[in-house]
Amino acid sequence: PKQSFTKFFQEPRDRIGRAMYRADVDVFANAGDPAEDF
């Protein structure tokens, strides 16, 4: 569960704009890794 949603802190390479934190969250239901599998 704790690995099934995006984190608030954004790595510099992933940031859109200058915001340090995401003010939105994606919660996943995956059979694999959200970065590897649909």
PDB file of all heavy atoms in Angstrom:
ATOM      1  N   PRO A   1       0.791  -1.237   0.000  1.00  0.00           N
ATOM      2  CA  PRO A   1       0.000   0.000   0.000  1.00  0.00           C
ATOM      3  C   PRO A   1       0.819   1.281   0.000  1.00  0.00           C
ATOM      4  O   PRO A   1       0.506   2.227  -0.736  1.00  0.00           O
ATOM      5  CB  PRO A   1      -0.834  -0.122   1.278  1.00  0.00           C
ATOM      6  CG  PRO A   1      -0.921  -1.584   1.532  1.00  0.00           C
ATOM      7  CD  PRO A   1       0.388  -2.138   1.089  1.00  0.00           C
ATOM      8  N   LYS A   2       1.880   1.362   0.800  1.00  0.00           N
ATOM      9  CA  LYS A   2       2.654   2.596   0.899  1.00  0.00           C
ATOM     10  C   LYS A   2       3.513   2.853  -0.336  1.00  0.00           C
ATOM     11  O   LYS A   2       4.081   3.934  -0.474  1.00  0.00           O
ATOM     12  CB  LYS A   2       3.519   2.563   2.155  1.00  0.00           C
ATOM     13  CG  LYS A   2       2.703   2.607   3.444  1.00  0.00           C
ATOM     14  CD  LYS A   2       3.581   2.677   4.671  1.00  0.00           C
ATOM     15  CE  LYS A   2       2.738   2.754   5.935  1.00  0.00           C
ATOM     16  NZ  LYS A   2       3.567   2.835   7.166  1.00  0.00           N
ATOM     17  N   GLN A   3       3.590   1.862  -1.228  1.00  0.00           N
ATOM     18  CA  GLN A   3       4.306   2.043  -2.490  1.00  0.00           C
ATOM     19  C   GLN A   3       3.336   2.155  -3.666  1.00  0.00           C
ATOM     20  O   GLN A   3       3.748   2.081  -4.817  1.00  0.00           O
ATOM     21  CB  GLN A   3       5.272   0.874  -2.716  1.00  0.00           C
ATOM     22  CG  GLN A   3       6.357   0.761  -1.651  1.00  0.00           C
ATOM     23  CD  GLN A   3       7.275  -0.434  -1.875  1.00  0.00           C
ATOM     24  OE1 GLN A   3       7.433  -0.908  -2.989  1.00  0.00           O
ATOM     25  NE2 GLN A   3       7.871  -0.912  -0.794  1.00  0.00           N
ATOM     26  N   SER A   4       2.044   2.340  -3.351  1.00  0.00           N
ATOM     27  CA  SER A   4       1.010   2.341  -4.374  1.00  0.00           C
ATOM     28  C   SER A   4       0.477   3.727  -4.682  1.00  0.00           C
ATOM     29  O   SER A   4      -0.585   3.850  -5.292  1.00  0.00           O
ATOM     30  CB  SER A   4      -0.147   1.417  -3.951  1.00  0.00           C
ATOM     31  OG  SER A   4       0.284   0.080  -3.857  1.00  0.00           O
ATOM     32  N   PHE A   5       1.203   4.765  -4.286  1.00  0.00           N
ATOM     33  CA  PHE A   5       0.793   6.125  -4.650  1.00  0.00           C
ATOM     34  C   PHE A   5       2.026   7.017  -4.763  1.00  0.00           C
ATOM     35  O   PHE A   5       3.068   6.735  -4.165  1.00  0.00           O
ATOM     36  CB  PHE A   5      -0.213   6.708  -3.644  1.00  0.00           C
ATOM     37  CG  PHE A   5       0.228   6.650  -2.203  1.00  0.00           C
ATOM     38  CD1 PHE A   5       0.995   7.662  -1.647  1.00  0.00           C
ATOM     39  CD2 PHE A   5      -0.147   5.589  -1.388  1.00  0.00           C
ATOM     40  CE1 PHE A   5       1.393   7.619  -0.324  1.00  0.00           C
ATOM     41  CE2 PHE A   5       0.234   5.536  -0.057  1.00  0.00           C
ATOM     42  CZ  PHE A   5       1.011   6.552   0.475  1.00  0.00           C
ATOM     43  N   THR A   6       1.904   8.050  -5.559  1.00  0.00           N
ATOM     44  CA  THR A   6       3.021   8.959  -5.785  1.00  0.00           C
ATOM     45  C   THR A   6       3.298   9.778  -4.524  1.00  0.00           C
ATOM     46  O   THR A   6       2.419  10.020  -3.711  1.00  0.00           O
ATOM     47  CB  THR A   6       2.729   9.905  -6.951  1.00  0.00           C
ATOM     48  OG1 THR A   6       1.469  10.565  -6.727  1.00  0.00           O
ATOM     49  CG2 THR A   6       2.663   9.140  -8.265  1.00  0.00           C
ATOM     50  N   LYS A   7       4.542  10.197  -4.400  1.00  0.00           N
ATOM     51  CA  LYS A   7       4.967  10.973  -3.239  1.00  0.00           C
ATOM     52  C   LYS A   7       4.833  12.466  -3.508  1.00  0.00           C
ATOM     53  O   LYS A   7       4.788  12.908  -4.641  1.00  0.00           O
ATOM     54  CB  LYS A   7       6.413  10.622  -2.891  1.00  0.00           C
ATOM     55  CG  LYS A   7       6.652   9.128  -2.680  1.00  0.00           C
ATOM     56  CD  LYS A   7       5.743   8.560  -1.598  1.00  0.00           C
ATOM     57  CE  LYS A   7       6.019   7.091  -1.339  1.00  0.00           C
ATOM     58  NZ  LYS A   7       5.199   6.190  -2.115  1.00  0.00           N
ATOM     59  N   PHE A   8       4.783  13.236  -2.430  1.00  0.00           N
ATOM     60  CA  PHE A   8       4.650  14.683  -2.571  1.00  0.00           C
ATOM     61  C   PHE A   8       5.918  15.323  -3.140  1.00  0.00           C
ATOM     62  O   PHE A   8       5.851  16.151  -4.036  1.00  0.00           O
ATOM     63  CB  PHE A   8       4.316  15.330  -1.217  1.00  0.00           C
ATOM     64  CG  PHE A   8       2.930  15.046  -0.748  1.00  0.00           C
ATOM     65  CD1 PHE A   8       2.694  14.471   0.497  1.00  0.00           C
ATOM     66  CD2 PHE A   8       1.825  15.348  -1.533  1.00  0.00           C
ATOM     67  CE1 PHE A   8       1.413  14.212   0.936  1.00  0.00           C
ATOM     68  CE2 PHE A   8       0.536  15.087  -1.109  1.00  0.00           C
ATOM     69  CZ  PHE A   8       0.338  14.524   0.138  1.00  0.00           C
ATOM     70  N   PHE A   9       7.076  14.924  -2.632  1.00  0.00           N
ATOM     71  CA  PHE A   9       8.323  15.550  -3.075  1.00  0.00           C
ATOM     72  C   PHE A   9       8.630  15.165  -4.514  1.00  0.00           C
ATOM     73  O   PHE A   9       8.519  14.000  -4.899  1.00  0.00           O
ATOM     74  CB  PHE A   9       9.487  15.138  -2.182  1.00  0.00           C
ATOM     75  CG  PHE A   9      10.808  15.724  -2.602  1.00  0.00           C
ATOM     76  CD1 PHE A   9      11.093  17.057  -2.355  1.00  0.00           C
ATOM     77  CD2 PHE A   9      11.755  14.946  -3.267  1.00  0.00           C
ATOM     78  CE1 PHE A   9      12.311  17.612  -2.757  1.00  0.00           C
ATOM     79  CE2 PHE A   9      12.953  15.497  -3.669  1.00  0.00           C
ATOM     80  CZ  PHE A   9      13.241  16.832  -3.410  1.00  0.00           C
ATOM     81  N   GLN A  10       9.030  16.139  -5.296  1.00  0.00           N
ATOM     82  CA  GLN A  10       9.381  15.901  -6.692  1.00  0.00           C
ATOM     83  C   GLN A  10      10.885  16.034  -6.891  1.00  0.00           C
ATOM     84  O   GLN A  10      11.483  17.041  -6.508  1.00  0.00           O
ATOM     85  CB  GLN A  10       8.694  16.924  -7.611  1.00  0.00           C
ATOM     86  CG  GLN A  10       7.187  16.898  -7.583  1.00  0.00           C
ATOM     87  CD  GLN A  10       6.601  17.786  -8.651  1.00  0.00           C
ATOM     88  OE1 GLN A  10       6.285  17.346  -9.748  1.00  0.00           O
ATOM     89  NE2 GLN A  10       6.449  19.074  -8.355  1.00  0.00           N
ATOM     90  N   GLU A  11      11.484  15.019  -7.483  1.00  0.00           N
ATOM     91  CA  GLU A  11      12.889  15.133  -7.851  1.00  0.00           C
ATOM     92  C   GLU A  11      13.027  16.244  -8.892  1.00  0.00           C
ATOM     93  O   GLU A  11      12.131  16.428  -9.725  1.00  0.00           O
ATOM     94  CB  GLU A  11      13.394  13.814  -8.434  1.00  0.00           C
ATOM     95  CG  GLU A  11      13.406  12.645  -7.454  1.00  0.00           C
ATOM     96  CD  GLU A  11      14.425  12.827  -6.345  1.00  0.00           C
ATOM     97  OE1 GLU A  11      15.333  13.663  -6.507  1.00  0.00           O
ATOM     98  OE2 GLU A  11      14.314  12.133  -5.312  1.00  0.00           O
ATOM     99  N   PRO A  12      14.126  17.001  -8.857  1.00  0.00           N
ATOM    100  CA  PRO A  12      14.295  18.118  -9.802  1.00  0.00           C
ATOM    101  C   PRO A  12      14.046  17.742 -11.251  1.00  0.00           C
ATOM    102  O   PRO A  12      13.441  18.499 -12.013  1.00  0.00           O
ATOM    103  CB  PRO A  12      15.744  18.557  -9.555  1.00  0.00           C
ATOM    104  CG  PRO A  12      15.984  18.214  -8.116  1.00  0.00           C
ATOM    105  CD  PRO A  12      15.237  16.920  -7.890  1.00  0.00           C
ATOM    106  N   ARG A  13      14.495  16.551 -11.668  1.00  0.00           N
ATOM    107  CA  ARG A  13      14.345  16.155 -13.074  1.00  0.00           C
ATOM    108  C   ARG A  13      12.896  15.865 -13.449  1.00  0.00           C
ATOM    109  O   ARG A  13      12.545  15.843 -14.635  1.00  0.00           O
ATOM    110  CB  ARG A  13      15.201  14.920 -13.368  1.00  0.00           C
ATOM    111  CG  ARG A  13      14.771  13.662 -12.639  1.00  0.00           C
ATOM    112  CD  ARG A  13      15.613  12.464 -13.027  1.00  0.00           C
ATOM    113  NE  ARG A  13      15.207  11.245 -12.360  1.00  0.00           N
ATOM    114  CZ  ARG A  13      15.611  10.890 -11.136  1.00  0.00           C
ATOM    115  NH1 ARG A  13      16.449  11.674 -10.471  1.00  0.00           N
ATOM    116  NH2 ARG A  13      15.196   9.763 -10.588  1.00  0.00           N
ATOM    117  N   ASP A  14      12.046  15.638 -12.428  1.00  0.00           N
ATOM    118  CA  ASP A  14      10.647  15.302 -12.693  1.00  0.00           C
ATOM    119  C   ASP A  14       9.712  16.492 -12.515  1.00  0.00           C
ATOM    120  O   ASP A  14       8.513  16.385 -12.767  1.00  0.00           O
ATOM    121  CB  ASP A  14      10.184  14.175 -11.754  1.00  0.00           C
ATOM    122  CG  ASP A  14      10.950  12.884 -11.982  1.00  0.00           C
ATOM    123  OD1 ASP A  14      11.328  12.625 -13.143  1.00  0.00           O
ATOM    124  OD2 ASP A  14      11.174  12.146 -11.000  1.00  0.00           O
ATOM    125  N   ARG A  15      10.224  17.621 -12.086  1.00  0.00           N
ATOM    126  CA  ARG A  15       9.369  18.752 -11.769  1.00  0.00           C
ATOM    127  C   ARG A  15       8.816  19.416 -13.023  1.00  0.00           C
ATOM    128  O   ARG A  15       9.497  19.542 -14.030  1.00  0.00           O
ATOM    129  CB  ARG A  15      10.136  19.798 -10.950  1.00  0.00           C
ATOM    130  CG  ARG A  15      10.468  19.332  -9.540  1.00  0.00           C
ATOM    131  CD  ARG A  15      11.260  20.393  -8.797  1.00  0.00           C
ATOM    132  NE  ARG A  15      11.773  19.846  -7.545  1.00  0.00           N
ATOM    133  CZ  ARG A  15      12.634  20.477  -6.759  1.00  0.00           C
ATOM    134  NH1 ARG A  15      13.072  21.675  -7.090  1.00  0.00           N
ATOM    135  NH2 ARG A  15      13.050  19.906  -5.641  1.00  0.00           N
ATOM    136  N   ILE A  16       7.567  19.826 -12.916  1.00  0.00           N
ATOM    137  CA  ILE A  16       6.938  20.672 -13.924  1.00  0.00           C
ATOM    138  C   ILE A  16       6.746  22.035 -13.273  1.00  0.00           C
ATOM    139  O   ILE A  16       5.981  22.178 -12.324  1.00  0.00           O
ATOM    140  CB  ILE A  16       5.593  20.082 -14.387  1.00  0.00           C
ATOM    141  CG1 ILE A  16       5.817  18.706 -15.024  1.00  0.00           C
ATOM    142  CG2 ILE A  16       4.911  21.019 -15.376  1.00  0.00           C
ATOM    143  CD1 ILE A  16       4.529  17.996 -15.421  1.00  0.00           C
ATOM    144  N   GLY A  17       7.461  23.033 -13.749  1.00  0.00           N
ATOM    145  CA  GLY A  17       7.477  24.319 -13.078  1.00  0.00           C
ATOM    146  C   GLY A  17       8.481  24.299 -11.934  1.00  0.00           C
ATOM    147  O   GLY A  17       9.384  23.467 -11.880  1.00  0.00           O
ATOM    148  N   ARG A  18       8.290  25.185 -10.972  1.00  0.00           N
ATOM    149  CA  ARG A  18       9.257  25.321  -9.892  1.00  0.00           C
ATOM    150  C   ARG A  18       8.802  24.701  -8.583  1.00  0.00           C
ATOM    151  O   ARG A  18       9.520  24.722  -7.586  1.00  0.00           O
ATOM    152  CB  ARG A  18       9.547  26.816  -9.674  1.00  0.00           C
ATOM    153  CG  ARG A  18      10.089  27.508 -10.908  1.00  0.00           C
ATOM    154  CD  ARG A  18      10.264  28.994 -10.685  1.00  0.00           C
ATOM    155  NE  ARG A  18      11.219  29.276  -9.606  1.00  0.00           N
ATOM    156  CZ  ARG A  18      11.518  30.494  -9.180  1.00  0.00           C
ATOM    157  NH1 ARG A  18      10.923  31.546  -9.725  1.00  0.00           N
ATOM    158  NH2 ARG A  18      12.394  30.666  -8.200  1.00  0.00           N
ATOM    159  N   ALA A  19       7.603  24.139  -8.565  1.00  0.00           N
ATOM    160  CA  ALA A  19       7.055  23.603  -7.320  1.00  0.00           C
ATOM    161  C   ALA A  19       7.883  22.419  -6.821  1.00  0.00           C
ATOM    162  O   ALA A  19       8.195  21.495  -7.574  1.00  0.00           O
ATOM    163  CB  ALA A  19       5.608  23.179  -7.519  1.00  0.00           C
ATOM    164  N   MET A  20       8.229  22.462  -5.541  1.00  0.00           N
ATOM    165  CA  MET A  20       8.996  21.374  -4.945  1.00  0.00           C
ATOM    166  C   MET A  20       8.124  20.141  -4.683  1.00  0.00           C
ATOM    167  O   MET A  20       8.590  19.005  -4.756  1.00  0.00           O
ATOM    168  CB  MET A  20       9.625  21.838  -3.629  1.00  0.00           C
ATOM    169  CG  MET A  20      10.462  20.776  -2.926  1.00  0.00           C
ATOM    170  SD  MET A  20      11.218  21.375  -1.385  1.00  0.00           S
ATOM    171  CE  MET A  20      12.363  22.595  -2.046  1.00  0.00           C
ATOM    172  N   TYR A  21       6.840  20.390  -4.399  1.00  0.00           N
ATOM    173  CA  TYR A  21       5.949  19.300  -4.035  1.00  0.00           C
ATOM    174  C   TYR A  21       4.776  19.181  -5.011  1.00  0.00           C
ATOM    175  O   TYR A  21       4.294  20.184  -5.539  1.00  0.00           O
ATOM    176  CB  TYR A  21       5.387  19.516  -2.623  1.00  0.00           C
ATOM    177  CG  TYR A  21       6.460  19.643  -1.574  1.00  0.00           C
ATOM    178  CD1 TYR A  21       6.806  20.889  -1.071  1.00  0.00           C
ATOM    179  CD2 TYR A  21       7.136  18.530  -1.099  1.00  0.00           C
ATOM    180  CE1 TYR A  21       7.802  21.024  -0.111  1.00  0.00           C
ATOM    181  CE2 TYR A  21       8.131  18.651  -0.151  1.00  0.00           C
ATOM    182  CZ  TYR A  21       8.465  19.899   0.345  1.00  0.00           C
ATOM    183  OH  TYR A  21       9.456  20.021   1.285  1.00  0.00           O
ATOM    184  N   ARG A  22       4.338  17.973  -5.208  1.00  0.00           N
ATOM    185  CA  ARG A  22       3.114  17.746  -5.953  1.00  0.00           C
ATOM    186  C   ARG A  22       1.930  18.050  -5.052  1.00  0.00           C
ATOM    187  O   ARG A  22       1.911  17.654  -3.882  1.00  0.00           O
ATOM    188  CB  ARG A  22       3.013  16.292  -6.421  1.00  0.00           C
ATOM    189  CG  ARG A  22       3.946  15.915  -7.534  1.00  0.00           C
ATOM    190  CD  ARG A  22       3.686  14.501  -8.022  1.00  0.00           C
ATOM    191  NE  ARG A  22       2.306  14.316  -8.500  1.00  0.00           N
ATOM    192  CZ  ARG A  22       1.929  13.305  -9.258  1.00  0.00           C
ATOM    193  NH1 ARG A  22       2.812  12.391  -9.638  1.00  0.00           N
ATOM    194  NH2 ARG A  22       0.678  13.196  -9.649  1.00  0.00           N
ATOM    195  N   ALA A  23       0.938  18.730  -5.587  1.00  0.00           N
ATOM    196  CA  ALA A  23      -0.306  18.982  -4.851  1.00  0.00           C
ATOM    197  C   ALA A  23      -1.407  18.076  -5.383  1.00  0.00           C
ATOM    198  O   ALA A  23      -2.597  18.380  -5.261  1.00  0.00           O
ATOM    199  CB  ALA A  23      -0.706  20.441  -4.961  1.00  0.00           C
ATOM    200  N   ASP A  24      -1.006  16.981  -6.008  1.00  0.00           N
ATOM    201  CA  ASP A  24      -1.920  15.962  -6.510  1.00  0.00           C
ATOM    202  C   ASP A  24      -1.257  14.613  -6.297  1.00  0.00           C
ATOM    203  O   ASP A  24      -0.045  14.521  -6.134  1.00  0.00           O
ATOM    204  CB  ASP A  24      -2.240  16.185  -7.988  1.00  0.00           C
ATOM    205  CG  ASP A  24      -0.974  16.189  -8.840  1.00  0.00           C
ATOM    206  OD1 ASP A  24      -0.370  17.260  -9.007  1.00  0.00           O
ATOM    207  OD2 ASP A  24      -0.561  15.100  -9.309  1.00  0.00           O
ATOM    208  N   VAL A  25      -2.046  13.564  -6.299  1.00  0.00           N
ATOM    209  CA  VAL A  25      -1.528  12.229  -6.027  1.00  0.00           C
ATOM    210  C   VAL A  25      -2.190  11.229  -6.965  1.00  0.00           C
ATOM    211  O   VAL A  25      -3.379  11.336  -7.263  1.00  0.00           O
ATOM    212  CB  VAL A  25      -1.788  11.820  -4.554  1.00  0.00           C
ATOM    213  CG1 VAL A  25      -1.478  10.350  -4.328  1.00  0.00           C
ATOM    214  CG2 VAL A  25      -0.962  12.670  -3.606  1.00  0.00           C
ATOM    215  N   ASP A  26      -1.408  10.273  -7.447  1.00  0.00           N
ATOM    216  CA  ASP A  26      -1.935   9.142  -8.209  1.00  0.00           C
ATOM    217  C   ASP A  26      -1.864   7.905  -7.330  1.00  0.00           C
ATOM    218  O   ASP A  26      -0.793   7.559  -6.810  1.00  0.00           O
ATOM    219  CB  ASP A  26      -1.121   8.909  -9.484  1.00  0.00           C
ATOM    220  CG  ASP A  26      -1.263  10.038 -10.484  1.00  0.00           C
ATOM    221  OD1 ASP A  26      -2.385  10.515 -10.672  1.00  0.00           O
ATOM    222  OD2 ASP A  26      -0.245  10.444 -11.069  1.00  0.00           O
ATOM    223  N   VAL A  27      -2.987   7.233  -7.159  1.00  0.00           N
ATOM    224  CA  VAL A  27      -3.033   5.966  -6.434  1.00  0.00           C
ATOM    225  C   VAL A  27      -3.172   4.857  -7.465  1.00  0.00           C
ATOM    226  O   VAL A  27      -4.046   4.908  -8.335  1.00  0.00           O
ATOM    227  CB  VAL A  27      -4.215   5.925  -5.446  1.00  0.00           C
ATOM    228  CG1 VAL A  27      -4.215   4.608  -4.672  1.00  0.00           C
ATOM    229  CG2 VAL A  27      -4.143   7.103  -4.476  1.00  0.00           C
ATOM    230  N   PHE A  28      -2.313   3.845  -7.371  1.00  0.00           N
ATOM    231  CA  PHE A  28      -2.240   2.809  -8.397  1.00  0.00           C
ATOM    232  C   PHE A  28      -2.867   1.489  -7.954  1.00  0.00           C
ATOM    233  O   PHE A  28      -2.864   1.142  -6.778  1.00  0.00           O
ATOM    234  CB  PHE A  28      -0.772   2.537  -8.763  1.00  0.00           C
ATOM    235  CG  PHE A  28      -0.025   3.745  -9.228  1.00  0.00           C
ATOM    236  CD1 PHE A  28       0.921   4.347  -8.421  1.00  0.00           C
ATOM    237  CD2 PHE A  28      -0.274   4.289 -10.479  1.00  0.00           C
ATOM    238  CE1 PHE A  28       1.614   5.469  -8.840  1.00  0.00           C
ATOM    239  CE2 PHE A  28       0.411   5.409 -10.913  1.00  0.00           C
ATOM    240  CZ  PHE A  28       1.356   6.003 -10.091  1.00  0.00           C
ATOM    241  N   ALA A  29      -3.377   0.767  -8.943  1.00  0.00           N
ATOM    242  CA  ALA A  29      -3.801  -0.620  -8.764  1.00  0.00           C
ATOM    243  C   ALA A  29      -3.136  -1.394  -9.898  1.00  0.00           C
ATOM    244  O   ALA A  29      -3.665  -1.467 -11.006  1.00  0.00           O
ATOM    245  CB  ALA A  29      -5.317  -0.746  -8.829  1.00  0.00           C
ATOM    246  N   ASN A  30      -1.963  -1.936  -9.627  1.00  0.00           N
ATOM    247  CA  ASN A  30      -1.139  -2.557 -10.663  1.00  0.00           C
ATOM    248  C   ASN A  30      -0.809  -3.997 -10.325  1.00  0.00           C
ATOM    249  O   ASN A  30      -0.683  -4.352  -9.153  1.00  0.00           O
ATOM    250  CB  ASN A  30       0.182  -1.798 -10.831  1.00  0.00           C
ATOM    251  CG  ASN A  30       0.088  -0.659 -11.813  1.00  0.00           C
ATOM    252  OD1 ASN A  30      -0.690   0.252 -11.608  1.00  0.00           O
ATOM    253  ND2 ASN A  30       0.876  -0.716 -12.874  1.00  0.00           N
ATOM    254  N   ALA A  31      -0.616  -4.778 -11.383  1.00  0.00           N
ATOM    255  CA  ALA A  31      -0.114  -6.134 -11.186  1.00  0.00           C
ATOM    256  C   ALA A  31       1.407  -6.141 -11.167  1.00  0.00           C
ATOM    257  O   ALA A  31       2.029  -7.170 -10.901  1.00  0.00           O
ATOM    258  CB  ALA A  31      -0.616  -7.058 -12.296  1.00  0.00           C
ATOM    259  N   GLY A  32       2.015  -4.967 -11.447  1.00  0.00           N
ATOM    260  CA  GLY A  32       3.470  -4.844 -11.442  1.00  0.00           C
ATOM    261  C   GLY A  32       3.886  -3.505 -10.882  1.00  0.00           C
ATOM    262  O   GLY A  32       3.232  -2.954  -9.998  1.00  0.00           O
ATOM    263  N   ASP A  33       4.971  -2.957 -11.435  1.00  0.00           N
ATOM    264  CA  ASP A  33       5.499  -1.668 -11.000  1.00  0.00           C
ATOM    265  C   ASP A  33       4.895  -0.569 -11.861  1.00  0.00           C
ATOM    266  O   ASP A  33       4.925  -0.667 -13.088  1.00  0.00           O
ATOM    267  CB  ASP A  33       7.030  -1.683 -11.150  1.00  0.00           C
ATOM    268  CG  ASP A  33       7.681  -0.450 -10.550  1.00  0.00           C
ATOM    269  OD1 ASP A  33       7.214   0.665 -10.816  1.00  0.00           O
ATOM    270  OD2 ASP A  33       8.677  -0.607  -9.833  1.00  0.00           O
ATOM    271  N   PRO A  34       4.365   0.514 -11.247  1.00  0.00           N
ATOM    272  CA  PRO A  34       3.753   1.592 -12.034  1.00  0.00           C
ATOM    273  C   PRO A  34       4.704   2.266 -13.012  1.00  0.00           C
ATOM    274  O   PRO A  34       4.247   2.937 -13.938  1.00  0.00           O
ATOM    275  CB  PRO A  34       3.280   2.586 -10.964  1.00  0.00           C
ATOM    276  CG  PRO A  34       3.076   1.762  -9.752  1.00  0.00           C
ATOM    277  CD  PRO A  34       4.160   0.725  -9.801  1.00  0.00           C
ATOM    278  N   ALA A  35       6.018   2.102 -12.833  1.00  0.00           N
ATOM    279  CA  ALA A  35       6.986   2.667 -13.771  1.00  0.00           C
ATOM    280  C   ALA A  35       7.382   1.666 -14.856  1.00  0.00           C
ATOM    281  O   ALA A  35       8.067   2.030 -15.819  1.00  0.00           O
ATOM    282  CB  ALA A  35       8.246   3.137 -13.034  1.00  0.00           C
ATOM    283  N   GLU A  36       6.936   0.424 -14.723  1.00  0.00           N
ATOM    284  CA  GLU A  36       7.322  -0.629 -15.659  1.00  0.00           C
ATOM    285  C   GLU A  36       6.137  -1.262 -16.377  1.00  0.00           C
ATOM    286  O   GLU A  36       6.287  -1.777 -17.489  1.00  0.00           O
ATOM    287  CB  GLU A  36       8.097  -1.737 -14.921  1.00  0.00           C
ATOM    288  CG  GLU A  36       9.368  -1.290 -14.243  1.00  0.00           C
ATOM    289  CD  GLU A  36      10.444  -0.872 -15.231  1.00  0.00           C
ATOM    290  OE1 GLU A  36      10.385  -1.298 -16.403  1.00  0.00           O
ATOM    291  OE2 GLU A  36      11.349  -0.108 -14.834  1.00  0.00           O
ATOM    292  N   ASP A  37       4.985  -1.236 -15.749  1.00  0.00           N
ATOM    293  CA  ASP A  37       3.844  -1.984 -16.265  1.00  0.00           C
ATOM    294  C   ASP A  37       2.597  -1.112 -16.375  1.00  0.00           C
ATOM    295  O   ASP A  37       2.321  -0.290 -15.492  1.00  0.00           O
ATOM    296  CB  ASP A  37       3.533  -3.161 -15.338  1.00  0.00           C
ATOM    297  CG  ASP A  37       4.738  -4.052 -15.128  1.00  0.00           C
ATOM    298  OD1 ASP A  37       5.050  -4.840 -16.031  1.00  0.00           O
ATOM    299  OD2 ASP A  37       5.360  -3.935 -14.053  1.00  0.00           O
ATOM    300  N   PHE A  38       1.839  -1.338 -17.424  1.00  0.00           N
ATOM    301  CA  PHE A  38       0.550  -0.676 -17.571  1.00  0.00           C
ATOM    302  C   PHE A  38      -0.366  -1.109 -16.440  1.00  0.00           C
ATOM    303  O   PHE A  38      -0.386  -2.276 -16.053  1.00  0.00           O
ATOM    304  CB  PHE A  38      -0.070  -1.051 -18.920  1.00  0.00           C
ATOM    305  CG  PHE A  38      -0.454   0.136 -19.748  1.00  0.00           C
ATOM    306  CD1 PHE A  38       0.486   0.762 -20.560  1.00  0.00           C
ATOM    307  CD2 PHE A  38      -1.734   0.648 -19.701  1.00  0.00           C
ATOM    308  CE1 PHE A  38       0.139   1.872 -21.321  1.00  0.00           C
ATOM    309  CE2 PHE A  38      -2.094   1.751 -20.460  1.00  0.00           C
ATOM    310  CZ  PHE A  38      -1.149   2.363 -21.267  1.00  0.00           C
TER     311      PHE A  38
END
